[in-house]
Amino acid sequence: QVQLVESGGGLVQAGGSLRLSCVASERTFDQYPMGWFRQAPGRERELVAAINWSGRSKYYADSVKGRFTISRDNAKNTVYLQMNSLKPEDTAVYYCARDSIKFRSTVVRTWRITDFNSWGQGTQVTVSS
């Protein structure tokens, strides 16, 4: 069972930036797509960004396009989420997750939350106005 450990959350003013990191424990990290999700109080967990195994294919939710950037360093077993121009509505617990299928193709459809079956413990991001 892969272990995912997130870090980098915190309190930031609106307009500020944070960089989240997620380190995976397994050697086959470079074979799996990875995603970042968030869940605000009283709301469903939503997919924020995802990246395929090579880093060449990425997905962003409309709400974060142009502000957030997902990337990965397979040599370090780490996936990142750079968050710029943060807004109070970005406040949530952010989770890192691993896809259940190696080398999943997203040519036909993009990722869904049900594609991911391994989760980190989450890191709190709070954006003050």
Protein backbone atom coordinates (compact mmCIF):
# COMPACT_ATOMS: atom_id res chain seq x y z
CA GLN A 1 0.00 0.00 0.00
CA VAL A 2 1.48 3.30 -1.08
CA GLN A 3 1.83 6.05 1.50
CA LEU A 4 1.31 9.66 0.45
CA VAL A 5 2.45 12.50 2.67
CA GLU A 6 1.41 16.08 1.91
CA SER A 7 3.07 19.22 3.18
CA GLY A 8 3.11 22.94 2.48
CA GLY A 9 -0.30 24.04 3.64
CA GLY A 10 -0.86 27.03 5.87
CA LEU A 11 -2.47 30.43 6.30
CA VAL A 12 -1.99 33.02 3.56
CA GLN A 13 -3.60 36.30 2.60
CA ALA A 14 -5.67 36.61 -0.52
CA GLY A 15 -3.42 37.11 -3.52
CA GLY A 16 -0.61 35.11 -1.95
CA SER A 17 0.98 31.85 -2.95
CA LEU A 18 1.62 28.41 -1.50
CA ARG A 19 3.35 25.33 -2.83
CA LEU A 20 2.05 21.94 -1.77
CA SER A 21 4.20 18.83 -1.97
CA CYS A 22 3.27 15.17 -1.82
CA VAL A 23 5.87 12.44 -1.40
CA ALA A 24 5.00 8.86 -2.30
CA SER A 25 6.58 5.84 -0.66
CA GLU A 26 6.58 3.45 -3.61
CA ARG A 27 9.20 2.80 -6.29
CA THR A 28 6.58 2.65 -9.05
CA PHE A 29 5.54 6.28 -8.50
CA ASP A 30 6.57 7.14 -12.06
CA GLN A 31 3.99 4.72 -13.51
CA TYR A 32 0.89 6.33 -12.01
CA PRO A 33 -1.03 9.51 -12.65
CA MET A 34 -1.41 11.71 -9.59
CA GLY A 35 -4.03 14.20 -8.52
CA TRP A 36 -4.69 17.01 -6.08
CA PHE A 37 -8.14 17.29 -4.55
CA ARG A 38 -9.69 19.65 -2.03
CA GLN A 39 -12.61 19.55 0.32
CA ALA A 40 -14.12 22.56 2.04
CA PRO A 41 -16.46 22.22 5.05
CA GLY A 42 -19.91 21.09 3.98
CA ARG A 43 -18.83 20.49 0.39
CA GLU A 44 -17.92 17.44 -1.65
CA ARG A 45 -14.33 16.58 -2.42
CA GLU A 46 -13.39 17.96 -5.82
CA LEU A 47 -10.58 17.32 -8.26
CA VAL A 48 -8.38 20.39 -8.55
CA ALA A 49 -5.59 19.16 -10.82
CA ALA A 50 -4.16 15.94 -12.17
CA ILE A 51 -1.05 14.89 -14.05
CA ASN A 52 -0.22 11.78 -16.00
CA TRP A 53 2.73 9.50 -15.29
CA SER A 54 5.15 11.39 -17.56
CA GLY A 55 4.02 14.88 -16.65
CA ARG A 56 3.06 15.71 -20.24
CA SER A 57 -0.71 15.58 -19.74
CA LYS A 58 -2.41 17.76 -17.14
CA TYR A 59 -5.92 18.61 -16.05
CA TYR A 60 -7.17 21.65 -14.14
CA ALA A 61 -10.56 22.49 -12.73
CA ASP A 62 -11.99 25.65 -14.27
CA SER A 63 -11.87 27.38 -10.90
CA VAL A 64 -8.06 27.16 -10.72
CA LYS A 65 -6.97 27.43 -14.35
CA GLY A 66 -4.30 30.06 -14.80
CA ARG A 67 -3.60 30.21 -11.04
CA PHE A 68 -2.52 26.67 -10.06
CA THR A 69 0.18 24.52 -11.63
CA ILE A 70 0.65 20.81 -11.06
CA SER A 71 4.02 19.20 -11.67
CA ARG A 72 5.96 16.12 -10.69
CA ASP A 73 9.53 15.03 -10.12
CA ASN A 74 9.65 11.29 -10.64
CA ALA A 75 13.24 11.10 -9.39
CA LYS A 76 12.02 12.41 -6.03
CA ASN A 77 8.68 10.53 -5.96
CA THR A 78 7.02 13.90 -5.49
CA VAL A 79 4.10 15.76 -6.99
CA TYR A 80 3.62 19.49 -6.46
CA LEU A 81 0.80 21.99 -6.60
CA GLN A 82 1.90 25.60 -7.01
CA MET A 83 -0.97 27.86 -6.01
CA ASN A 84 -0.82 31.54 -6.96
CA SER A 85 -3.31 34.38 -6.67
CA LEU A 86 -5.08 32.54 -3.90
CA LYS A 87 -8.65 33.46 -3.05
CA PRO A 88 -10.67 32.91 0.14
CA GLU A 89 -12.77 30.35 -1.77
CA ASP A 90 -9.62 28.22 -2.18
CA THR A 91 -9.75 27.52 1.57
CA ALA A 92 -10.01 23.76 2.06
CA VAL A 93 -8.17 20.63 3.07
CA TYR A 94 -6.01 19.60 0.11
CA TYR A 95 -5.38 15.93 -0.56
CA CYS A 96 -2.88 14.19 -2.77
CA ALA A 97 -4.07 10.97 -4.46
CA ARG A 98 -2.74 8.24 -6.71
CA ASP A 99 -4.60 6.80 -9.69
CA SER A 100 -5.55 3.15 -9.42
CA ILE A 101 -4.31 2.31 -12.93
CA LYS A 102 -0.75 2.52 -14.21
CA PHE A 103 -0.21 4.64 -17.31
CA ARG A 104 -3.92 5.55 -17.51
CA SER A 105 -4.73 7.30 -20.78
CA THR A 106 -6.96 10.36 -20.69
CA VAL A 107 -7.35 10.67 -24.46
CA VAL A 108 -11.02 9.64 -24.34
CA ARG A 109 -11.98 11.21 -21.02
CA THR A 110 -10.30 13.15 -18.26
CA TRP A 111 -9.86 11.95 -14.70
CA ARG A 112 -12.68 11.30 -12.25
CA ILE A 113 -12.47 11.14 -8.47
CA THR A 114 -13.30 7.42 -8.66
CA ASP A 115 -10.08 6.82 -10.64
CA PHE A 116 -8.04 7.46 -7.47
CA ASN A 117 -7.75 4.87 -4.70
CA SER A 118 -4.80 5.94 -2.55
CA TRP A 119 -4.99 9.13 -0.50
CA GLY A 120 -2.81 11.23 1.72
CA GLN A 121 -3.92 12.60 5.08
CA GLY A 122 -4.51 16.11 3.76
CA THR A 123 -3.06 19.53 4.46
CA GLN A 124 -5.07 22.59 5.43
CA VAL A 125 -4.95 25.68 3.25
CA THR A 126 -6.60 28.81 4.63
CA VAL A 127 -6.82 32.01 2.62
CA SER A 128 -7.81 35.13 4.52
CA SER A 129 -9.51 38.08 2.87
